[in-house]
Each structure stands twice: as structure tokens, then as C-alpha cells.
PDB file of all heavy atoms in Angstrom:
ATOM      1  N   MET A   1    -253.119 -83.855-110.490  1.00  0.00           N
ATOM      2  CA  MET A   1    -254.372 -83.191-110.807  1.00  0.00           C
ATOM      3  C   MET A   1    -254.180 -81.670-110.853  1.00  0.00           C
ATOM      4  O   MET A   1    -254.695 -81.011-111.722  1.00  0.00           O
ATOM      5  CB  MET A   1    -255.424 -83.587-109.769  1.00  0.00           C
ATOM      6  CG  MET A   1    -256.772 -82.994-110.026  1.00  0.00           C
ATOM      7  SD  MET A   1    -257.524 -83.735-111.464  1.00  0.00           S
ATOM      8  CE  MET A   1    -259.042 -82.870-111.514  1.00  0.00           C
ATOM      9  N   GLY A   2    -253.439 -81.122-109.888  1.00  0.00           N
ATOM     10  CA  GLY A   2    -253.231 -79.683-109.854  1.00  0.00           C
ATOM     11  C   GLY A   2    -252.477 -79.174-111.063  1.00  0.00           C
ATOM     12  O   GLY A   2    -252.760 -78.099-111.593  1.00  0.00           O
ATOM     13  N   ARG A   3    -251.510 -79.950-111.517  1.00  0.00           N
ATOM     14  CA  ARG A   3    -250.725 -79.544-112.687  1.00  0.00           C
ATOM     15  C   ARG A   3    -251.609 -79.541-113.931  1.00  0.00           C
ATOM     16  O   ARG A   3    -251.500 -78.649-114.763  1.00  0.00           O
ATOM     17  CB  ARG A   3    -249.547 -80.490-112.868  1.00  0.00           C
ATOM     18  CG  ARG A   3    -248.601 -80.046-113.964  1.00  0.00           C
ATOM     19  CD  ARG A   3    -247.445 -81.002-114.151  1.00  0.00           C
ATOM     20  NE  ARG A   3    -246.704 -81.180-112.906  1.00  0.00           N
ATOM     21  CZ  ARG A   3    -245.901 -82.207-112.669  1.00  0.00           C
ATOM     22  NH1 ARG A   3    -245.742 -83.139-113.571  1.00  0.00           N
ATOM     23  NH2 ARG A   3    -245.261 -82.296-111.525  1.00  0.00           N
ATOM     24  N   ARG A   4    -252.470 -80.541-114.045  1.00  0.00           N
ATOM     25  CA  ARG A   4    -253.370 -80.581-115.207  1.00  0.00           C
ATOM     26  C   ARG A   4    -254.310 -79.373-115.213  1.00  0.00           C
ATOM     27  O   ARG A   4    -254.570 -78.799-116.252  1.00  0.00           O
ATOM     28  CB  ARG A   4    -254.218 -81.849-115.182  1.00  0.00           C
ATOM     29  CG  ARG A   4    -253.576 -83.025-115.763  1.00  0.00           C
ATOM     30  CD  ARG A   4    -254.564 -84.139-115.840  1.00  0.00           C
ATOM     31  NE  ARG A   4    -254.031 -85.238-116.589  1.00  0.00           N
ATOM     32  CZ  ARG A   4    -254.636 -86.388-116.728  1.00  0.00           C
ATOM     33  NH1 ARG A   4    -255.789 -86.587-116.155  1.00  0.00           N
ATOM     34  NH2 ARG A   4    -254.091 -87.343-117.424  1.00  0.00           N
ATOM     35  N   TYR A   5    -254.835 -79.042-114.031  1.00  0.00           N
ATOM     36  CA  TYR A   5    -255.766 -77.906-113.949  1.00  0.00           C
ATOM     37  C   TYR A   5    -255.061 -76.609-114.310  1.00  0.00           C
ATOM     38  O   TYR A   5    -255.613 -75.766-115.009  1.00  0.00           O
ATOM     39  CB  TYR A   5    -256.376 -77.830-112.551  1.00  0.00           C
ATOM     40  CG  TYR A   5    -257.386 -76.722-112.400  1.00  0.00           C
ATOM     41  CD1 TYR A   5    -258.664 -76.850-112.920  1.00  0.00           C
ATOM     42  CD2 TYR A   5    -257.051 -75.536-111.753  1.00  0.00           C
ATOM     43  CE1 TYR A   5    -259.590 -75.839-112.805  1.00  0.00           C
ATOM     44  CE2 TYR A   5    -257.975 -74.520-111.623  1.00  0.00           C
ATOM     45  CZ  TYR A   5    -259.240 -74.674-112.149  1.00  0.00           C
ATOM     46  OH  TYR A   5    -260.158 -73.666-112.033  1.00  0.00           O
ATOM     47  N   ARG A   6    -253.845 -76.421-113.817  1.00  0.00           N
ATOM     48  CA  ARG A   6    -253.099 -75.192-114.113  1.00  0.00           C
ATOM     49  C   ARG A   6    -252.790 -75.060-115.593  1.00  0.00           C
ATOM     50  O   ARG A   6    -252.711 -73.958-116.115  1.00  0.00           O
ATOM     51  CB  ARG A   6    -251.796 -75.170-113.313  1.00  0.00           C
ATOM     52  CG  ARG A   6    -251.977 -74.794-111.874  1.00  0.00           C
ATOM     53  CD  ARG A   6    -250.633 -74.525-111.219  1.00  0.00           C
ATOM     54  NE  ARG A   6    -249.731 -75.673-111.302  1.00  0.00           N
ATOM     55  CZ  ARG A   6    -249.530 -76.545-110.321  1.00  0.00           C
ATOM     56  NH1 ARG A   6    -250.171 -76.397-109.190  1.00  0.00           N
ATOM     57  NH2 ARG A   6    -248.694 -77.554-110.483  1.00  0.00           N
ATOM     58  N   ASN A   7    -252.622 -76.181-116.283  1.00  0.00           N
ATOM     59  CA  ASN A   7    -252.283 -76.143-117.703  1.00  0.00           C
ATOM     60  C   ASN A   7    -253.497 -75.934-118.606  1.00  0.00           C
ATOM     61  O   ASN A   7    -253.331 -75.746-119.805  1.00  0.00           O
ATOM     62  CB  ASN A   7    -251.559 -77.423-118.108  1.00  0.00           C
ATOM     63  CG  ASN A   7    -250.173 -77.495-117.512  1.00  0.00           C
ATOM     64  OD1 ASN A   7    -249.585 -76.474-117.168  1.00  0.00           O
ATOM     65  ND2 ASN A   7    -249.651 -78.694-117.371  1.00  0.00           N
ATOM     66  N   LEU A   8    -254.698 -75.974-118.060  1.00  0.00           N
ATOM     67  CA  LEU A   8    -255.887 -75.774-118.884  1.00  0.00           C
ATOM     68  C   LEU A   8    -256.023 -74.315-119.291  1.00  0.00           C
ATOM     69  O   LEU A   8    -255.638 -73.406-118.549  1.00  0.00           O
ATOM     70  CB  LEU A   8    -257.149 -76.173-118.117  1.00  0.00           C
ATOM     71  CG  LEU A   8    -257.385 -77.654-117.869  1.00  0.00           C
ATOM     72  CD1 LEU A   8    -258.631 -77.843-117.023  1.00  0.00           C
ATOM     73  CD2 LEU A   8    -257.517 -78.408-119.172  1.00  0.00           C
ATOM     74  N   SER A   9    -256.598 -74.102-120.452  1.00  0.00           N
ATOM     75  CA  SER A   9    -256.868 -72.728-120.877  1.00  0.00           C
ATOM     76  C   SER A   9    -258.081 -72.203-120.109  1.00  0.00           C
ATOM     77  O   SER A   9    -258.813 -72.959-119.478  1.00  0.00           O
ATOM     78  CB  SER A   9    -257.149 -72.687-122.378  1.00  0.00           C
ATOM     79  OG  SER A   9    -258.347 -73.379-122.667  1.00  0.00           O
ATOM     80  N   THR A  10    -258.278 -70.910-120.179  1.00  0.00           N
ATOM     81  CA  THR A  10    -259.394 -70.298-119.467  1.00  0.00           C
ATOM     82  C   THR A  10    -260.733 -70.845-119.942  1.00  0.00           C
ATOM     83  O   THR A  10    -261.623 -71.124-119.128  1.00  0.00           O
ATOM     84  CB  THR A  10    -259.364 -68.762-119.643  1.00  0.00           C
ATOM     85  OG1 THR A  10    -258.107 -68.278-119.189  1.00  0.00           O
ATOM     86  CG2 THR A  10    -260.469 -68.102-118.865  1.00  0.00           C
ATOM     87  N   SER A  11    -260.877 -71.034-121.234  1.00  0.00           N
ATOM     88  CA  SER A  11    -262.145 -71.559-121.752  1.00  0.00           C
ATOM     89  C   SER A  11    -262.372 -72.996-121.287  1.00  0.00           C
ATOM     90  O   SER A  11    -263.508 -73.382-120.977  1.00  0.00           O
ATOM     91  CB  SER A  11    -262.191 -71.474-123.274  1.00  0.00           C
ATOM     92  OG  SER A  11    -261.137 -72.242-123.839  1.00  0.00           O
ATOM     93  N   ASN A  12    -261.325 -73.776-121.189  1.00  0.00           N
ATOM     94  CA  ASN A  12    -261.471 -75.141-120.692  1.00  0.00           C
ATOM     95  C   ASN A  12    -261.778 -75.169-119.195  1.00  0.00           C
ATOM     96  O   ASN A  12    -262.520 -76.025-118.723  1.00  0.00           O
ATOM     97  CB  ASN A  12    -260.224 -75.968-120.992  1.00  0.00           C
ATOM     98  CG  ASN A  12    -260.142 -76.370-122.437  1.00  0.00           C
ATOM     99  OD1 ASN A  12    -261.138 -76.347-123.156  1.00  0.00           O
ATOM    100  ND2 ASN A  12    -258.947 -76.728-122.880  1.00  0.00           N
ATOM    101  N   LYS A  13    -261.215 -74.236-118.442  1.00  0.00           N
ATOM    102  CA  LYS A  13    -261.546 -74.137-117.017  1.00  0.00           C
ATOM    103  C   LYS A  13    -263.012 -73.765-116.838  1.00  0.00           C
ATOM    104  O   LYS A  13    -263.709 -74.324-115.984  1.00  0.00           O
ATOM    105  CB  LYS A  13    -260.658 -73.108-116.317  1.00  0.00           C
ATOM    106  CG  LYS A  13    -259.237 -73.578-116.103  1.00  0.00           C
ATOM    107  CD  LYS A  13    -258.408 -72.509-115.425  1.00  0.00           C
ATOM    108  CE  LYS A  13    -256.966 -72.935-115.298  1.00  0.00           C
ATOM    109  NZ  LYS A  13    -256.112 -71.903-114.689  1.00  0.00           N
ATOM    110  N   LEU A  14    -263.484 -72.822-117.641  1.00  0.00           N
ATOM    111  CA  LEU A  14    -264.900 -72.449-117.570  1.00  0.00           C
ATOM    112  C   LEU A  14    -265.799 -73.622-117.945  1.00  0.00           C
ATOM    113  O   LEU A  14    -266.835 -73.845-117.319  1.00  0.00           O
ATOM    114  CB  LEU A  14    -265.175 -71.256-118.490  1.00  0.00           C
ATOM    115  CG  LEU A  14    -264.644 -69.914-118.023  1.00  0.00           C
ATOM    116  CD1 LEU A  14    -264.845 -68.857-119.101  1.00  0.00           C
ATOM    117  CD2 LEU A  14    -265.329 -69.503-116.745  1.00  0.00           C
ATOM    118  N   ALA A  15    -265.408 -74.380-118.944  1.00  0.00           N
ATOM    119  CA  ALA A  15    -266.180 -75.552-119.347  1.00  0.00           C
ATOM    120  C   ALA A  15    -266.192 -76.595-118.238  1.00  0.00           C
ATOM    121  O   ALA A  15    -267.227 -77.217-117.959  1.00  0.00           O
ATOM    122  CB  ALA A  15    -265.616 -76.141-120.634  1.00  0.00           C
ATOM    123  N   LEU A  16    -265.067 -76.788-117.583  1.00  0.00           N
ATOM    124  CA  LEU A  16    -264.987 -77.743-116.481  1.00  0.00           C
ATOM    125  C   LEU A  16    -265.910 -77.338-115.345  1.00  0.00           C
ATOM    126  O   LEU A  16    -266.705 -78.141-114.845  1.00  0.00           O
ATOM    127  CB  LEU A  16    -263.545 -77.850-115.981  1.00  0.00           C
ATOM    128  CG  LEU A  16    -263.327 -78.685-114.725  1.00  0.00           C
ATOM    129  CD1 LEU A  16    -263.610 -80.149-115.020  1.00  0.00           C
ATOM    130  CD2 LEU A  16    -261.924 -78.493-114.209  1.00  0.00           C
ATOM    131  N   TRP A  17    -265.832 -76.069-114.929  1.00  0.00           N
ATOM    132  CA  TRP A  17    -266.655 -75.614-113.805  1.00  0.00           C
ATOM    133  C   TRP A  17    -268.138 -75.546-114.158  1.00  0.00           C
ATOM    134  O   TRP A  17    -268.991 -75.778-113.303  1.00  0.00           O
ATOM    135  CB  TRP A  17    -266.148 -74.269-113.287  1.00  0.00           C
ATOM    136  CG  TRP A  17    -264.905 -74.469-112.473  1.00  0.00           C
ATOM    137  CD1 TRP A  17    -263.644 -74.106-112.815  1.00  0.00           C
ATOM    138  CD2 TRP A  17    -264.805 -75.125-111.211  1.00  0.00           C
ATOM    139  NE1 TRP A  17    -262.767 -74.501-111.832  1.00  0.00           N
ATOM    140  CE2 TRP A  17    -263.447 -75.125-110.836  1.00  0.00           C
ATOM    141  CE3 TRP A  17    -265.718 -75.715-110.356  1.00  0.00           C
ATOM    142  CZ2 TRP A  17    -262.998 -75.689-109.653  1.00  0.00           C
ATOM    143  CZ3 TRP A  17    -265.261 -76.280-109.172  1.00  0.00           C
ATOM    144  CH2 TRP A  17    -263.922 -76.261-108.829  1.00  0.00           C
ATOM    145  N   SER A  18    -268.471 -75.256-115.397  1.00  0.00           N
ATOM    146  CA  SER A  18    -269.881 -75.288-115.781  1.00  0.00           C
ATOM    147  C   SER A  18    -270.404 -76.715-115.755  1.00  0.00           C
ATOM    148  O   SER A  18    -271.555 -76.957-115.397  1.00  0.00           O
ATOM    149  CB  SER A  18    -270.086 -74.656-117.159  1.00  0.00           C
ATOM    150  OG  SER A  18    -269.409 -75.402-118.150  1.00  0.00           O
ATOM    151  N   GLY A  19    -269.557 -77.674-116.097  1.00  0.00           N
ATOM    152  CA  GLY A  19    -269.947 -79.076-115.985  1.00  0.00           C
ATOM    153  C   GLY A  19    -270.154 -79.491-114.543  1.00  0.00           C
ATOM    154  O   GLY A  19    -271.087 -80.238-114.226  1.00  0.00           O
ATOM    155  N   VAL A  20    -269.300 -79.003-113.646  1.00  0.00           N
ATOM    156  CA  VAL A  20    -269.451 -79.301-112.220  1.00  0.00           C
ATOM    157  C   VAL A  20    -270.757 -78.711-111.688  1.00  0.00           C
ATOM    158  O   VAL A  20    -271.511 -79.374-110.968  1.00  0.00           O
ATOM    159  CB  VAL A  20    -268.238 -78.765-111.426  1.00  0.00           C
ATOM    160  CG1 VAL A  20    -268.481 -78.816-109.933  1.00  0.00           C
ATOM    161  CG2 VAL A  20    -266.982 -79.540-111.798  1.00  0.00           C
ATOM    162  N   VAL A  21    -271.051 -77.479-112.056  1.00  0.00           N
ATOM    163  CA  VAL A  21    -272.285 -76.832-111.604  1.00  0.00           C
ATOM    164  C   VAL A  21    -273.508 -77.560-112.165  1.00  0.00           C
ATOM    165  O   VAL A  21    -274.500 -77.779-111.455  1.00  0.00           O
ATOM    166  CB  VAL A  21    -272.293 -75.336-111.991  1.00  0.00           C
ATOM    167  CG1 VAL A  21    -273.653 -74.712-111.765  1.00  0.00           C
ATOM    168  CG2 VAL A  21    -271.221 -74.604-111.210  1.00  0.00           C
ATOM    169  N   ALA A  22    -273.451 -77.952-113.415  1.00  0.00           N
ATOM    170  CA  ALA A  22    -274.568 -78.686-114.016  1.00  0.00           C
ATOM    171  C   ALA A  22    -274.756 -80.033-113.337  1.00  0.00           C
ATOM    172  O   ALA A  22    -275.895 -80.460-113.094  1.00  0.00           O
ATOM    173  CB  ALA A  22    -274.320 -78.869-115.508  1.00  0.00           C
ATOM    174  N   ALA A  23    -273.678 -80.707-113.020  1.00  0.00           N
ATOM    175  CA  ALA A  23    -273.788 -81.995-112.324  1.00  0.00           C
ATOM    176  C   ALA A  23    -274.394 -81.813-110.941  1.00  0.00           C
ATOM    177  O   ALA A  23    -275.242 -82.616-110.512  1.00  0.00           O
ATOM    178  CB  ALA A  23    -272.413 -82.646-112.224  1.00  0.00           C
ATOM    179  N   LEU A  24    -274.006 -80.751-110.236  1.00  0.00           N
ATOM    180  CA  LEU A  24    -274.596 -80.472-108.921  1.00  0.00           C
ATOM    181  C   LEU A  24    -276.077 -80.137-109.029  1.00  0.00           C
ATOM    182  O   LEU A  24    -276.867 -80.497-108.160  1.00  0.00           O
ATOM    183  CB  LEU A  24    -273.848 -79.330-108.238  1.00  0.00           C
ATOM    184  CG  LEU A  24    -272.481 -79.670-107.683  1.00  0.00           C
ATOM    185  CD1 LEU A  24    -271.809 -78.416-107.140  1.00  0.00           C
ATOM    186  CD2 LEU A  24    -272.592 -80.723-106.604  1.00  0.00           C
ATOM    187  N   ALA A  25    -276.447 -79.446-110.102  1.00  0.00           N
ATOM    188  CA  ALA A  25    -277.854 -79.086-110.285  1.00  0.00           C
ATOM    189  C   ALA A  25    -278.727 -80.330-110.422  1.00  0.00           C
ATOM    190  O   ALA A  25    -279.896 -80.315-110.036  1.00  0.00           O
ATOM    191  CB  ALA A  25    -278.009 -78.193-111.517  1.00  0.00           C
ATOM    192  N   PHE A  26    -278.174 -81.399-110.951  1.00  0.00           N
ATOM    193  CA  PHE A  26    -278.931 -82.650-111.057  1.00  0.00           C
ATOM    194  C   PHE A  26    -278.744 -83.532-109.830  1.00  0.00           C
ATOM    195  O   PHE A  26    -279.654 -84.256-109.431  1.00  0.00           O
ATOM    196  CB  PHE A  26    -278.504 -83.426-112.309  1.00  0.00           C
ATOM    197  CG  PHE A  26    -279.030 -82.827-113.574  1.00  0.00           C
ATOM    198  CD1 PHE A  26    -278.184 -82.116-114.409  1.00  0.00           C
ATOM    199  CD2 PHE A  26    -280.355 -82.962-113.928  1.00  0.00           C
ATOM    200  CE1 PHE A  26    -278.664 -81.548-115.575  1.00  0.00           C
ATOM    201  CE2 PHE A  26    -280.847 -82.399-115.084  1.00  0.00           C
ATOM    202  CZ  PHE A  26    -279.992 -81.688-115.915  1.00  0.00           C
ATOM    203  N   ALA A  27    -277.582 -83.490-109.213  1.00  0.00           N
ATOM    204  CA  ALA A  27    -277.282 -84.392-108.108  1.00  0.00           C
ATOM    205  C   ALA A  27    -277.978 -83.990-106.813  1.00  0.00           C
ATOM    206  O   ALA A  27    -278.411 -84.861-106.052  1.00  0.00           O
ATOM    207  CB  ALA A  27    -275.774 -84.449-107.891  1.00  0.00           C
ATOM    208  N   VAL A  28    -278.108 -82.714-106.552  1.00  0.00           N
ATOM    209  CA  VAL A  28    -278.692 -82.271-105.290  1.00  0.00           C
ATOM    210  C   VAL A  28    -280.164 -82.686-105.174  1.00  0.00           C
ATOM    211  O   VAL A  28    -280.547 -83.268-104.149  1.00  0.00           O
ATOM    212  CB  VAL A  28    -278.502 -80.748-105.096  1.00  0.00           C
ATOM    213  CG1 VAL A  28    -279.320 -80.228-103.937  1.00  0.00           C
ATOM    214  CG2 VAL A  28    -277.027 -80.438-104.890  1.00  0.00           C
ATOM    215  N   PRO A  29    -281.025 -82.448-106.149  1.00  0.00           N
ATOM    216  CA  PRO A  29    -282.413 -82.904-106.001  1.00  0.00           C
ATOM    217  C   PRO A  29    -282.543 -84.428-105.896  1.00  0.00           C
ATOM    218  O   PRO A  29    -283.395 -84.928-105.163  1.00  0.00           O
ATOM    219  CB  PRO A  29    -283.108 -82.395-107.266  1.00  0.00           C
ATOM    220  CG  PRO A  29    -282.263 -81.308-107.768  1.00  0.00           C
ATOM    221  CD  PRO A  29    -280.868 -81.636-107.351  1.00  0.00           C
ATOM    222  N   ILE A  30    -281.678 -85.141-106.593  1.00  0.00           N
ATOM    223  CA  ILE A  30    -281.716 -86.603-106.500  1.00  0.00           C
ATOM    224  C   ILE A  30    -281.302 -87.048-105.101  1.00  0.00           C
ATOM    225  O   ILE A  30    -281.918 -87.946-104.512  1.00  0.00           O
ATOM    226  CB  ILE A  30    -280.814 -87.225-107.591  1.00  0.00           C
ATOM    227  CG1 ILE A  30    -281.427 -86.972-108.965  1.00  0.00           C
ATOM    228  CG2 ILE A  30    -280.602 -88.708-107.352  1.00  0.00           C
ATOM    229  CD1 ILE A  30    -280.524 -87.330-110.122  1.00  0.00           C
ATOM    230  N   ALA A  31    -280.290 -86.420-104.536  1.00  0.00           N
ATOM    231  CA  ALA A  31    -279.846 -86.767-103.187  1.00  0.00           C
ATOM    232  C   ALA A  31    -280.912 -86.429-102.152  1.00  0.00           C
ATOM    233  O   ALA A  31    -281.147 -87.201-101.219  1.00  0.00           O
ATOM    234  CB  ALA A  31    -278.540 -86.035-102.869  1.00  0.00           C
ATOM    235  N   VAL A  32    -281.575 -85.293-102.306  1.00  0.00           N
ATOM    236  CA  VAL A  32    -282.646 -84.909-101.374  1.00  0.00           C
ATOM    237  C   VAL A  32    -283.795 -85.904-101.457  1.00  0.00           C
ATOM    238  O   VAL A  32    -284.345 -86.327-100.441  1.00  0.00           O
ATOM    239  CB  VAL A  32    -283.120 -83.469-101.662  1.00  0.00           C
ATOM    240  CG1 VAL A  32    -284.398 -83.152-100.905  1.00  0.00           C
ATOM    241  CG2 VAL A  32    -282.033 -82.478-101.310  1.00  0.00           C
ATOM    242  N   SER A  33    -284.171 -86.282-102.662  1.00  0.00           N
ATOM    243  CA  SER A  33    -285.241 -87.250-102.839  1.00  0.00           C
ATOM    244  C   SER A  33    -284.877 -88.600-102.225  1.00  0.00           C
ATOM    245  O   SER A  33    -285.715 -89.235-101.564  1.00  0.00           O
ATOM    246  CB  SER A  33    -285.550 -87.413-104.323  1.00  0.00           C
ATOM    247  OG  SER A  33    -286.531 -88.400-104.517  1.00  0.00           O
ATOM    248  N   ALA A  34    -283.647 -89.034-102.421  1.00  0.00           N
ATOM    249  CA  ALA A  34    -283.206 -90.297-101.831  1.00  0.00           C
ATOM    250  C   ALA A  34    -283.208 -90.226-100.313  1.00  0.00           C
ATOM    251  O   ALA A  34    -283.605 -91.172 -99.631  1.00  0.00           O
ATOM    252  CB  ALA A  34    -281.820 -90.655-102.352  1.00  0.00           C
ATOM    253  N   TRP A  35    -282.766 -89.100 -99.767  1.00  0.00           N
ATOM    254  CA  TRP A  35    -282.751 -88.921 -98.308  1.00  0.00           C
ATOM    255  C   TRP A  35    -284.169 -88.963 -97.751  1.00  0.00           C
ATOM    256  O   TRP A  35    -284.425 -89.603 -96.731  1.00  0.00           O
ATOM    257  CB  TRP A  35    -282.082 -87.596 -97.955  1.00  0.00           C
ATOM    258  CG  TRP A  35    -282.018 -87.359 -96.475  1.00  0.00           C
ATOM    259  CD1 TRP A  35    -282.931 -86.704 -95.713  1.00  0.00           C
ATOM    260  CD2 TRP A  35    -280.998 -87.799 -95.583  1.00  0.00           C
ATOM    261  NE1 TRP A  35    -282.540 -86.697 -94.408  1.00  0.00           N
ATOM    262  CE2 TRP A  35    -281.357 -87.363 -94.302  1.00  0.00           C
ATOM    263  CE3 TRP A  35    -279.822 -88.513 -95.758  1.00  0.00           C
ATOM    264  CZ2 TRP A  35    -280.568 -87.627 -93.185  1.00  0.00           C
ATOM    265  CZ3 TRP A  35    -279.046 -88.763 -94.644  1.00  0.00           C
ATOM    266  CH2 TRP A  35    -279.421 -88.324 -93.372  1.00  0.00           C
ATOM    267  N   GLN A  36    -285.107 -88.275 -98.394  1.00  0.00           N
ATOM    268  CA  GLN A  36    -286.483 -88.245 -97.912  1.00  0.00           C
ATOM    269  C   GLN A  36    -287.161 -89.598 -98.048  1.00  0.00           C
ATOM    270  O   GLN A  36    -288.040 -89.932 -97.270  1.00  0.00           O
ATOM    271  CB  GLN A  36    -287.281 -87.172 -98.648  1.00  0.00           C
ATOM    272  CG  GLN A  36    -286.857 -85.783 -98.264  1.00  0.00           C
ATOM    273  CD  GLN A  36    -287.547 -84.711 -99.087  1.00  0.00           C
ATOM    274  OE1 GLN A  36    -288.140 -84.987-100.115  1.00  0.00           O
ATOM    275  NE2 GLN A  36    -287.455 -83.471 -98.628  1.00  0.00           N
ATOM    276  N   THR A  37    -286.767 -90.391 -99.030  1.00  0.00           N
ATOM    277  CA  THR A  37    -287.317 -91.726 -99.185  1.00  0.00           C
ATOM    278  C   THR A  37    -286.751 -92.659 -98.120  1.00  0.00           C
ATOM    279  O   THR A  37    -287.486 -93.469 -97.541  1.00  0.00           O
ATOM    280  CB  THR A  37    -286.991 -92.276-100.588  1.00  0.00           C
ATOM    281  OG1 THR A  37    -287.536 -91.382-101.560  1.00  0.00           O
ATOM    282  CG2 THR A  37    -287.576 -93.654-100.786  1.00  0.00           C
ATOM    283  N   THR A  38    -285.461 -92.533 -97.844  1.00  0.00           N
ATOM    284  CA  THR A  38    -284.822 -93.396 -96.862  1.00  0.00           C
ATOM    285  C   THR A  38    -285.232 -93.038 -95.443  1.00  0.00           C
ATOM    286  O   THR A  38    -285.499 -93.914 -94.627  1.00  0.00           O
ATOM    287  CB  THR A  38    -283.289 -93.300 -96.984  1.00  0.00           C
ATOM    288  OG1 THR A  38    -282.924 -93.570 -98.337  1.00  0.00           O
ATOM    289  CG2 THR A  38    -282.602 -94.280 -96.066  1.00  0.00           C
ATOM    290  N   PHE A  39    -285.298 -91.759 -95.146  1.00  0.00           N
ATOM    291  CA  PHE A  39    -285.643 -91.287 -93.810  1.00  0.00           C
ATOM    292  C   PHE A  39    -286.874 -90.385 -93.904  1.00  0.00           C
ATOM    293  O   PHE A  39    -286.749 -89.160 -93.986  1.00  0.00           O
ATOM    294  CB  PHE A  39    -284.480 -90.501 -93.200  1.00  0.00           C
ATOM    295  CG  PHE A  39    -283.195 -91.272 -93.153  1.00  0.00           C
ATOM    296  CD1 PHE A  39    -282.175 -90.995 -94.046  1.00  0.00           C
ATOM    297  CD2 PHE A  39    -283.016 -92.276 -92.234  1.00  0.00           C
ATOM    298  CE1 PHE A  39    -280.985 -91.692 -94.011  1.00  0.00           C
ATOM    299  CE2 PHE A  39    -281.823 -92.995 -92.186  1.00  0.00           C
ATOM    300  CZ  PHE A  39    -280.814 -92.700 -93.071  1.00  0.00           C
TER     301      PHE A  39
END
């Protein structure tokens, strides 16, 4: 995994991290809602 990440271009690294941030932006409210429903 580390070798693949190092071989990515800067634009691909930015695209990867923007995807991670976007996924977190959707995952965190869903996780909070699930937690509040369960407990």
C-alpha cells in the first residue's frame, strides 16, 4: 500500500484525500445518528 501511495502523482494524492474527506463528511453524521438511535 505504501509503495502505491508513493507512486501516485500529486493530483491523484489530492483526489484520494478529497475522497477520504468527503466519505468522512457523510460517515460521521450517519454514525452519530446510529449511536443516538442505539443508545
